[in-house]
Amino acid sequence: MRSAFDAFPDEAVLVDAQSIILAANTAWLRFFEANSCGRKFCFEGVNYLEICRAASGPDGQFARQAADGIAAVLAGQITDFRLEYPCNSPLEKRWFGLHARRLQGADGGALILHRNITEQKGLNSLLRRNYQSYAAAFHASESSMWEWRTSECVMHVRDADDDPQEPSTGMQFADWLGQVHPKDRAILSRALRACAEGASAHLRVEHRQRDAENRWRWIVTQGVVIEDEASGGAYVVGSQSDVTRRREREDDLERAALHDALTGLPNRALLLRRLSDHLQDPEQAGVGMLFLDLDGFKAVNDHYGHGVGDRVLNRVAQRLEVAVRSQDTLARLGGDEFAVLLDGVSQRSEVEAAAVRLCVALQAPIDIDGQRLPVGVSVGGWLHEGEAHTAEEVLAEADRAMYEVKRSGKGGFLVLDGASRRKADHRPRRVSAARVARNPRRKPIMGV
């Protein structure tokens, strides 16, 4: 939902695989305006990586690091990228944390978050200067503290509610690491080893870890290297905090940005993303696209009001979901327009068969509180057979076919491909409601 996107406290932006900004939340806009960057940097349609790479000044190197990391996420080389960077404002120098997260289920595109971590950096500095003072303050938190002395191979852990006068719990490092999710274990182990070997002075890793009730929770493990003056060596100390709720909010934010708020279906952005993935897949023999526009919905909306209209749209979405295959993507584009991405089709007849199923699904009136409301559909289709088309162009071809149906009197379908589009005699076809009603198991009869 757009409202949830705008209410998210962190600066958030959604970019596609080419780093073009698809959506920016309110906090993002305020951040750029407060730092005198100008609205041109946050408008949808702007290339985010170009903004980063064009940065100059003393902190320009961080912007370029951000660009390289985000580019790696978009290229599918990594799933997450994080960077802490300074941000100079007219009044003060602040620190921010950037988190670029690859969108689940899509080959490319990312959700980019910025969070003010100035206070966190101050706490880390305090930890370096005076570990005992930090430990006392930490006792009042809801996190846990750990200390790892690599020479002992023991992880000393203390929860926030433990008695500070009692010794901490000691665990073998391997046992402690065994609580971490198998898929996250290697990255956490590498980060800890890097600190232990002097390759890094600090670490921050988000990972899943099993809790006392055997549930997987999202945990952020942070640590810094402390020089031990007595022994001349060093050890690693840090904290662990449960960030499951924040991760769930991020998942909700991602879903809100890519799904229709009314029906829960994928929205236009997600449809085009999946279509683009199909077009770039060399193993795809063909892709079908159907563009649907409801007939008679405006009359229902005007007569019964938007509340009933929304209920009708939800019923339409439910019927269409039953009519499409599991591998296809049904999306609501907005208003009374829907679209279906057909996966793995190579013949125009396959696209036509899918169009017939959708027409049949909406032949019966929709019952709302005893009122039987007739809502039909005009369907335009396009079979993409490897031509050099973008996702937007494929959708536009299906849209044009749908308008051919509308111009012919509404209702029915027309599916085209490159060869049939060049012919002048293509005409929409209609599904015989009477024949379907008399024999619902029989294949629908089409006519011109």
Protein backbone atom coordinates (compact mmCIF):
# COMPACT_ATOMS: atom_id res chain seq x y z
CA MET A 1 0.00 0.00 0.00
CA ARG A 2 1.29 3.44 -0.87
CA SER A 3 0.33 4.75 2.57
CA ALA A 4 2.51 2.10 4.25
CA PHE A 5 5.35 2.95 1.87
CA ASP A 6 5.15 6.66 2.78
CA ALA A 7 4.78 5.95 6.51
CA PHE A 8 8.00 3.91 6.65
CA PRO A 9 10.43 5.89 8.91
CA ASP A 10 13.57 5.18 6.87
CA GLU A 11 14.26 6.86 3.55
CA ALA A 12 13.12 4.24 1.03
CA VAL A 13 13.26 4.01 -2.76
CA LEU A 14 12.42 1.23 -5.21
CA VAL A 15 14.58 0.91 -8.35
CA ASP A 16 14.34 -1.42 -11.33
CA ALA A 17 17.13 -3.56 -12.81
CA GLN A 18 18.49 -0.53 -14.70
CA SER A 19 18.54 1.53 -11.44
CA ILE A 20 15.63 3.71 -12.57
CA ILE A 21 13.64 5.02 -9.58
CA LEU A 22 10.13 3.51 -9.61
CA ALA A 23 8.90 4.94 -6.28
CA ALA A 24 10.28 7.08 -3.44
CA ASN A 25 8.60 7.48 -0.06
CA THR A 26 7.94 10.74 1.83
CA ALA A 27 10.98 10.37 4.10
CA TRP A 28 13.20 10.04 1.01
CA LEU A 29 11.86 13.28 -0.47
CA ARG A 30 12.31 15.13 2.84
CA PHE A 31 15.89 13.85 3.17
CA PHE A 32 16.97 15.13 -0.24
CA GLU A 33 15.21 18.47 0.16
CA ALA A 34 16.66 19.02 3.66
CA ASN A 35 20.16 18.50 2.29
CA SER A 36 19.61 20.96 -0.58
CA CYS A 37 19.97 18.24 -3.18
CA GLY A 38 16.96 19.39 -5.18
CA ARG A 39 13.89 17.38 -6.14
CA LYS A 40 15.48 16.37 -9.44
CA PHE A 41 17.45 13.69 -7.56
CA CYS A 42 14.40 11.92 -6.17
CA PHE A 43 11.83 12.05 -8.96
CA GLU A 44 10.61 8.75 -10.32
CA GLY A 45 12.29 7.92 -13.61
CA VAL A 46 15.73 9.17 -12.54
CA ASN A 47 18.75 6.83 -12.76
CA TYR A 48 19.89 6.37 -9.16
CA LEU A 49 23.37 5.03 -10.01
CA GLU A 50 24.06 8.05 -12.21
CA ILE A 51 23.28 10.32 -9.25
CA CYS A 52 25.73 8.42 -7.04
CA ARG A 53 28.51 8.36 -9.63
CA ALA A 54 28.16 12.07 -10.32
CA ALA A 55 28.69 12.98 -6.64
CA SER A 56 31.68 15.20 -5.86
CA GLY A 57 33.25 16.71 -2.78
CA PRO A 58 34.99 15.08 0.19
CA ASP A 59 32.37 12.35 0.55
CA GLY A 60 32.07 11.54 -3.15
CA GLN A 61 34.04 8.31 -2.68
CA PHE A 62 31.27 6.91 -0.50
CA ALA A 63 28.68 7.67 -3.18
CA ARG A 64 30.78 5.79 -5.72
CA GLN A 65 31.15 2.84 -3.32
CA ALA A 66 27.38 2.85 -2.94
CA ALA A 67 26.95 2.83 -6.73
CA ASP A 68 29.29 -0.17 -7.11
CA GLY A 69 27.53 -2.12 -4.35
CA ILE A 70 24.03 -1.40 -5.63
CA ALA A 71 25.12 -2.32 -9.15
CA ALA A 72 26.29 -5.70 -7.80
CA VAL A 73 22.87 -6.25 -6.19
CA LEU A 74 21.06 -5.34 -9.43
CA ALA A 75 23.33 -7.67 -11.39
CA GLY A 76 22.42 -10.55 -9.07
CA GLN A 77 26.00 -10.95 -7.80
CA ILE A 78 24.91 -10.38 -4.18
CA THR A 79 21.51 -10.17 -2.46
CA ASP A 80 22.33 -7.45 0.09
CA PHE A 81 24.71 -4.52 0.22
CA ARG A 82 25.39 -2.26 3.20
CA LEU A 83 27.49 0.86 3.57
CA GLU A 84 27.99 3.37 6.35
CA TYR A 85 28.78 6.83 5.02
CA PRO A 86 29.08 10.41 6.32
CA CYS A 87 26.64 13.09 5.16
CA ASN A 88 27.63 16.73 5.54
CA SER A 89 24.77 19.14 6.11
CA PRO A 90 25.03 22.91 6.67
CA LEU A 91 24.83 22.35 10.44
CA GLU A 92 26.50 19.06 11.25
CA LYS A 93 28.17 15.92 10.02
CA ARG A 94 25.92 12.88 10.30
CA TRP A 95 26.33 9.19 9.55
CA PHE A 96 23.90 7.11 7.53
CA GLY A 97 23.56 3.43 6.82
CA LEU A 98 22.61 2.36 3.30
CA HIS A 99 20.96 -1.04 2.75
CA ALA A 100 20.26 -2.24 -0.80
CA ARG A 101 18.19 -5.41 -0.84
CA ARG A 102 17.44 -7.42 -3.96
CA LEU A 103 13.70 -7.91 -4.55
CA GLN A 104 12.58 -11.45 -3.84
CA GLY A 105 11.50 -13.50 -6.80
CA ALA A 106 12.71 -11.00 -9.40
CA ASP A 107 15.91 -11.05 -11.43
CA GLY A 108 16.96 -7.49 -10.79
CA GLY A 109 15.55 -4.48 -9.00
CA ALA A 110 16.17 -3.45 -5.42
CA LEU A 111 14.71 -1.78 -2.38
CA ILE A 112 17.17 0.85 -1.10
CA LEU A 113 16.92 2.13 2.47
CA HIS A 114 18.81 4.94 4.20
CA ARG A 115 18.85 5.18 7.99
CA ASN A 116 20.39 7.83 10.24
CA ILE A 117 22.95 5.93 12.35
CA THR A 118 24.70 8.93 13.90
CA GLU A 119 23.64 7.84 17.36
CA GLN A 120 24.76 4.28 16.71
CA LYS A 121 28.20 5.49 15.57
CA GLY A 122 28.45 7.49 18.78
CA LEU A 123 27.69 4.40 20.83
CA ASN A 124 30.34 2.41 18.99
CA SER A 125 32.86 5.15 19.69
CA LEU A 126 31.92 5.07 23.35
CA LEU A 127 32.43 1.31 23.33
CA ARG A 128 35.94 1.71 21.97
CA ARG A 129 36.88 4.32 24.58
CA ASN A 130 35.42 2.69 27.64
CA TYR A 131 34.16 -0.86 27.51
CA GLN A 132 33.12 -0.95 31.17
CA SER A 133 30.86 2.11 30.80
CA TYR A 134 29.30 0.61 27.70
CA ALA A 135 28.64 -2.69 29.48
CA ALA A 136 26.79 -0.90 32.28
CA ALA A 137 24.60 0.98 29.82
CA PHE A 138 24.02 -2.17 27.82
CA HIS A 139 22.57 -3.91 30.87
CA ALA A 140 19.47 -1.68 30.55
CA SER A 141 18.87 -2.67 26.92
CA GLU A 142 16.85 -5.55 25.46
CA SER A 143 19.81 -7.00 23.58
CA SER A 144 22.54 -9.46 24.51
CA MET A 145 26.27 -8.92 24.69
CA TRP A 146 28.97 -11.28 23.56
CA GLU A 147 32.74 -11.43 23.87
CA TRP A 148 34.98 -13.66 21.81
CA ARG A 149 38.56 -14.37 22.70
CA THR A 150 39.84 -16.42 19.81
CA SER A 151 42.67 -17.94 21.83
CA GLU A 152 40.05 -19.68 24.01
CA CYS A 153 37.63 -20.63 21.19
CA VAL A 154 34.89 -19.65 23.63
CA MET A 155 32.01 -17.23 23.09
CA HIS A 156 30.96 -15.49 26.33
CA VAL A 157 27.34 -14.39 26.12
CA ARG A 158 25.39 -12.17 28.49
CA ASP A 159 21.70 -11.32 28.10
CA ALA A 160 20.43 -7.87 29.06
CA ASP A 161 18.57 -9.22 32.09
CA ASP A 162 21.53 -11.22 33.44
CA ASP A 163 23.05 -10.17 36.74
CA PRO A 164 26.17 -8.14 35.84
CA GLN A 165 27.88 -9.45 38.97
CA GLU A 166 27.57 -13.05 37.77
CA PRO A 167 29.98 -14.53 35.24
CA SER A 168 28.77 -14.64 31.64
CA THR A 169 27.71 -17.89 29.98
CA GLY A 170 30.52 -19.56 28.09
CA MET A 171 29.83 -21.54 24.92
CA GLN A 172 32.13 -23.24 22.49
CA PHE A 173 32.35 -21.05 19.40
CA ALA A 174 31.18 -23.92 17.18
CA ASP A 175 28.08 -24.47 19.37
CA TRP A 176 27.24 -20.76 19.35
CA LEU A 177 27.62 -20.61 15.59
CA GLY A 178 25.47 -23.75 15.30
CA GLN A 179 22.43 -21.73 16.44
CA VAL A 180 22.69 -19.64 13.26
CA HIS A 181 20.68 -20.61 10.18
CA PRO A 182 22.79 -22.84 7.87
CA LYS A 183 22.38 -20.42 4.95
CA ASP A 184 23.66 -17.49 7.05
CA ARG A 185 26.38 -19.28 8.98
CA ALA A 186 29.23 -18.80 6.53
CA ILE A 187 28.88 -15.02 6.16
CA LEU A 188 28.78 -14.50 9.95
CA SER A 189 31.75 -16.78 10.46
CA ARG A 190 33.77 -14.91 7.82
CA ALA A 191 32.97 -11.55 9.41
CA LEU A 192 34.06 -12.78 12.86
CA ARG A 193 37.24 -14.32 11.49
CA ALA A 194 38.07 -11.09 9.66
CA CYS A 195 37.93 -9.22 12.99
CA ALA A 196 39.94 -11.90 14.77
CA GLU A 197 42.66 -11.85 12.10
CA GLY A 198 42.92 -8.06 12.00
CA ALA A 199 41.43 -7.72 8.50
CA SER A 200 38.51 -5.66 9.83
CA ALA A 201 37.96 -3.49 12.92
CA HIS A 202 34.22 -4.06 13.16
CA LEU A 203 31.38 -6.22 11.87
CA ARG A 204 27.64 -5.99 11.31
CA VAL A 205 25.69 -8.96 9.97
CA GLU A 206 21.95 -9.62 9.81
CA HIS A 207 21.14 -13.31 9.98
CA ARG A 208 18.58 -15.83 11.17
CA GLN A 209 19.15 -17.52 14.51
CA ARG A 210 17.17 -20.07 16.48
CA ASP A 211 15.70 -18.79 19.75
CA ALA A 212 14.88 -20.64 22.98
CA GLU A 213 11.49 -21.67 21.55
CA ASN A 214 13.12 -23.19 18.44
CA ARG A 215 11.88 -20.37 16.15
CA TRP A 216 13.96 -18.64 13.52
CA ARG A 217 14.40 -14.96 14.35
CA TRP A 218 16.20 -12.22 12.43
CA ILE A 219 19.17 -11.00 14.47
CA VAL A 220 21.67 -8.21 13.89
CA THR A 221 25.10 -9.09 15.25
CA GLN A 222 27.48 -6.16 15.67
CA GLY A 223 31.00 -6.14 17.06
CA VAL A 224 34.25 -4.23 17.33
CA VAL A 225 37.86 -5.23 17.98
CA ILE A 226 39.19 -4.20 21.40
CA GLU A 227 42.92 -3.96 22.03
CA ASP A 228 43.91 -5.85 25.20
CA GLU A 229 46.72 -3.80 26.73
CA ALA A 230 47.46 -6.43 29.38
CA SER A 231 48.18 -9.23 26.92
CA GLY A 232 49.08 -7.15 23.92
CA GLY A 233 46.49 -8.99 21.90
CA ALA A 234 42.91 -8.21 20.97
CA TYR A 235 39.43 -9.63 21.34
CA VAL A 236 36.05 -9.00 19.75
CA VAL A 237 33.03 -7.72 21.68
CA GLY A 238 29.59 -6.88 20.42
CA SER A 239 25.84 -7.10 20.75
CA GLN A 240 22.92 -8.99 19.30
CA SER A 241 19.48 -7.49 18.80
CA ASP A 242 16.27 -9.04 17.49
CA VAL A 243 15.23 -7.19 14.31
CA THR A 244 12.51 -9.60 13.20
CA ARG A 245 9.79 -6.95 13.34
CA ARG A 246 11.84 -4.54 11.26
CA ARG A 247 12.53 -7.21 8.65
CA GLU A 248 8.81 -8.00 8.54
CA ARG A 249 8.08 -4.30 7.98
CA GLU A 250 10.58 -4.25 5.12
CA ASP A 251 8.88 -7.29 3.58
CA ASP A 252 5.52 -5.51 3.94
CA LEU A 253 7.04 -2.42 2.34
CA GLU A 254 8.32 -4.45 -0.61
CA ARG A 255 4.92 -6.07 -1.05
CA ALA A 256 3.12 -2.71 -0.84
CA ALA A 257 5.35 -1.31 -3.57
CA LEU A 258 4.68 -4.22 -5.95
CA HIS A 259 1.06 -5.21 -5.27
CA ASP A 260 -2.37 -3.67 -5.75
CA ALA A 261 -3.81 -2.46 -2.44
CA LEU A 262 -7.43 -3.39 -3.29
CA THR A 263 -7.13 -6.88 -4.75
CA GLY A 264 -3.69 -7.98 -3.52
CA LEU A 265 -2.72 -8.85 -7.10
CA PRO A 266 0.65 -7.90 -8.57
CA ASN A 267 0.60 -4.33 -9.87
CA ARG A 268 1.87 -2.86 -13.13
CA ALA A 269 5.46 -2.50 -11.86
CA LEU A 270 5.72 -6.18 -10.86
CA LEU A 271 4.02 -7.34 -14.06
CA LEU A 272 6.48 -5.39 -16.23
CA ARG A 273 9.40 -6.64 -14.13
CA ARG A 274 8.39 -10.27 -14.65
CA LEU A 275 7.67 -9.66 -18.34
CA SER A 276 11.10 -8.07 -18.77
CA ASP A 277 12.68 -11.12 -17.12
CA HIS A 278 10.88 -13.37 -19.62
CA LEU A 279 11.96 -11.27 -22.59
CA GLN A 280 15.60 -11.44 -21.47
CA ASP A 281 15.52 -15.22 -20.96
CA PRO A 282 17.11 -16.87 -24.02
CA GLU A 283 15.37 -20.17 -23.22
CA GLN A 284 11.88 -18.63 -23.49
CA ALA A 285 10.28 -19.78 -26.75
CA GLY A 286 7.48 -17.23 -26.56
CA VAL A 287 5.54 -15.01 -24.20
CA GLY A 288 1.85 -14.18 -24.26
CA MET A 289 0.23 -11.04 -22.89
CA LEU A 290 -3.49 -10.40 -22.37
CA PHE A 291 -4.92 -6.95 -21.66
CA LEU A 292 -8.40 -6.90 -20.07
CA ASP A 293 -10.81 -3.97 -19.80
CA LEU A 294 -14.12 -4.55 -18.03
CA ASP A 295 -17.34 -3.77 -19.89
CA GLY A 296 -20.17 -2.21 -17.93
CA PHE A 297 -18.15 -1.51 -14.80
CA LYS A 298 -18.49 2.27 -15.04
CA ALA A 299 -22.28 1.96 -15.01
CA VAL A 300 -22.10 -0.23 -11.88
CA ASN A 301 -19.73 2.21 -10.19
CA ASP A 302 -21.85 5.25 -11.06
CA HIS A 303 -25.14 3.64 -9.99
CA TYR A 304 -24.13 1.74 -6.85
CA GLY A 305 -21.12 3.76 -5.67
CA HIS A 306 -17.41 3.11 -5.29
CA GLY A 307 -17.86 0.78 -2.31
CA VAL A 308 -19.84 -1.69 -4.40
CA GLY A 309 -17.49 -1.05 -7.31
CA ASP A 310 -14.51 -2.12 -5.17
CA ARG A 311 -16.32 -5.30 -4.15
CA VAL A 312 -17.05 -6.05 -7.80
CA LEU A 313 -13.36 -5.60 -8.66
CA ASN A 314 -12.41 -8.04 -5.91
CA ARG A 315 -14.92 -10.61 -7.21
CA VAL A 316 -13.58 -10.11 -10.73
CA ALA A 317 -10.04 -10.67 -9.47
CA GLN A 318 -11.12 -13.88 -7.70
CA ARG A 319 -12.79 -15.25 -10.84
CA LEU A 320 -9.81 -14.39 -13.01
CA GLU A 321 -7.40 -16.04 -10.56
CA VAL A 322 -9.31 -19.29 -10.97
CA ALA A 323 -9.19 -18.97 -14.77
CA VAL A 324 -5.41 -18.48 -15.12
CA ARG A 325 -2.75 -21.15 -14.77
CA SER A 326 -0.48 -21.32 -11.72
CA GLN A 327 2.59 -20.29 -13.75
CA ASP A 328 0.89 -17.17 -15.17
CA THR A 329 0.86 -13.70 -13.60
CA LEU A 330 -2.48 -11.96 -13.16
CA ALA A 331 -2.10 -8.25 -12.40
CA ARG A 332 -4.37 -5.28 -11.83
CA LEU A 333 -3.10 -2.29 -13.79
CA GLY A 334 -5.52 0.20 -12.20
CA GLY A 335 -9.18 1.15 -12.48
CA ASP A 336 -10.99 -1.66 -14.30
CA GLU A 337 -7.96 -2.84 -16.25
CA PHE A 338 -6.21 -6.17 -15.67
CA ALA A 339 -3.47 -8.04 -17.49
CA VAL A 340 -2.19 -11.61 -17.64
CA LEU A 341 1.37 -12.65 -18.47
CA LEU A 342 1.27 -16.13 -20.05
CA ASP A 343 4.37 -18.17 -19.37
CA GLY A 344 5.67 -20.78 -21.80
CA VAL A 345 3.35 -20.24 -24.77
CA SER A 346 4.51 -20.46 -28.37
CA GLN A 347 1.26 -20.60 -30.41
CA ARG A 348 -1.36 -17.90 -30.92
CA SER A 349 -4.00 -20.57 -30.27
CA GLU A 350 -2.66 -20.99 -26.72
CA VAL A 351 -3.10 -17.27 -26.06
CA GLU A 352 -6.60 -17.41 -27.56
CA ALA A 353 -7.52 -20.34 -25.31
CA ALA A 354 -6.44 -18.31 -22.29
CA ALA A 355 -8.53 -15.35 -23.50
CA VAL A 356 -11.58 -17.61 -23.84
CA ARG A 357 -11.15 -18.83 -20.25
CA LEU A 358 -11.13 -15.24 -19.00
CA CYS A 359 -14.22 -14.30 -21.02
CA VAL A 360 -16.07 -17.34 -19.73
CA ALA A 361 -15.05 -16.53 -16.14
CA LEU A 362 -16.90 -13.20 -16.33
CA GLN A 363 -19.99 -14.28 -18.28
CA ALA A 364 -22.18 -14.82 -15.22
CA PRO A 365 -23.38 -11.67 -13.40
CA ILE A 366 -21.65 -10.83 -10.13
CA ASP A 367 -23.86 -11.13 -7.05
CA ILE A 368 -23.45 -8.31 -4.52
CA ASP A 369 -25.97 -8.45 -1.66
CA GLY A 370 -28.58 -10.05 -3.91
CA GLN A 371 -27.99 -7.66 -6.81
CA ARG A 372 -26.87 -9.49 -9.96
CA LEU A 373 -24.54 -7.06 -11.68
CA PRO A 374 -23.54 -7.84 -15.29
CA VAL A 375 -19.88 -7.11 -15.96
CA GLY A 376 -18.28 -8.27 -19.18
CA VAL A 377 -14.76 -8.00 -20.50
CA SER A 378 -12.91 -7.06 -23.67
CA VAL A 379 -9.61 -8.90 -24.05
CA GLY A 380 -6.72 -8.01 -26.29
CA GLY A 381 -3.81 -10.40 -26.70
CA TRP A 382 -0.32 -10.45 -28.12
CA LEU A 383 2.04 -13.35 -28.75
CA HIS A 384 5.67 -12.25 -28.54
CA GLU A 385 7.85 -14.50 -30.69
CA GLY A 386 11.32 -13.10 -30.08
CA GLU A 387 11.01 -9.70 -31.70
CA ALA A 388 13.04 -6.83 -30.21
CA HIS A 389 10.35 -5.48 -27.90
CA THR A 390 10.53 -3.99 -24.44
CA ALA A 391 8.08 -5.03 -21.74
CA GLU A 392 6.16 -1.77 -22.19
CA GLU A 393 5.89 -2.38 -25.94
CA VAL A 394 4.53 -5.91 -25.49
CA LEU A 395 1.88 -4.62 -23.07
CA ALA A 396 1.03 -1.84 -25.51
CA GLU A 397 0.51 -4.36 -28.34
CA ALA A 398 -2.03 -6.23 -26.19
CA ASP A 399 -3.65 -2.92 -25.27
CA ARG A 400 -4.07 -2.00 -28.93
CA ALA A 401 -5.70 -5.36 -29.65
CA MET A 402 -8.10 -4.78 -26.74
CA TYR A 403 -9.17 -1.43 -28.23
CA GLU A 404 -9.90 -3.21 -31.51
CA VAL A 405 -12.42 -5.30 -29.51
CA LYS A 406 -13.88 -2.17 -27.91
CA ARG A 407 -14.31 -0.45 -31.27
CA SER A 408 -16.14 -3.47 -32.65
CA GLY A 409 -18.82 -3.29 -29.96
CA LYS A 410 -17.17 -4.58 -26.76
CA GLY A 411 -17.08 -8.09 -25.43
CA GLY A 412 -14.92 -10.87 -26.80
CA PHE A 413 -11.26 -11.08 -27.65
CA LEU A 414 -8.65 -10.49 -30.31
CA VAL A 415 -5.17 -12.04 -30.19
CA LEU A 416 -2.49 -10.89 -32.60
CA ASP A 417 1.13 -11.63 -33.38
CA GLY A 418 3.59 -10.13 -35.82
CA ALA A 419 2.14 -11.92 -38.84
CA SER A 420 -1.57 -11.40 -38.09
CA ARG A 421 -1.10 -7.74 -37.21
CA ARG A 422 0.03 -7.04 -40.77
CA LYS A 423 -3.25 -8.38 -42.15
CA ALA A 424 -6.13 -5.98 -42.55
CA ASP A 425 -8.96 -8.47 -42.00
CA HIS A 426 -8.40 -9.50 -38.39
CA ARG A 427 -11.62 -9.19 -36.41
CA PRO A 428 -12.51 -9.76 -32.74
CA ARG A 429 -14.15 -13.03 -31.74
CA ARG A 430 -16.81 -13.56 -29.12
CA VAL A 431 -17.62 -16.43 -26.78
CA SER A 432 -21.15 -17.82 -27.04
CA ALA A 433 -22.69 -17.44 -23.58
CA ALA A 434 -25.75 -19.48 -24.58
CA ARG A 435 -23.72 -22.51 -25.60
CA VAL A 436 -21.60 -22.35 -22.45
CA ALA A 437 -24.74 -22.11 -20.30
CA ARG A 438 -26.37 -25.12 -21.98
CA ASN A 439 -23.29 -27.30 -21.79
CA PRO A 440 -20.70 -25.96 -19.34
CA ARG A 441 -18.30 -28.87 -20.00
CA ARG A 442 -18.22 -28.21 -23.70
CA LYS A 443 -15.53 -26.04 -25.20
CA PRO A 444 -16.93 -22.49 -25.72
CA ILE A 445 -18.01 -21.58 -29.24
CA MET A 446 -16.32 -18.57 -30.80
CA GLY A 447 -17.74 -16.39 -33.51
CA VAL A 448 -16.77 -13.23 -35.33
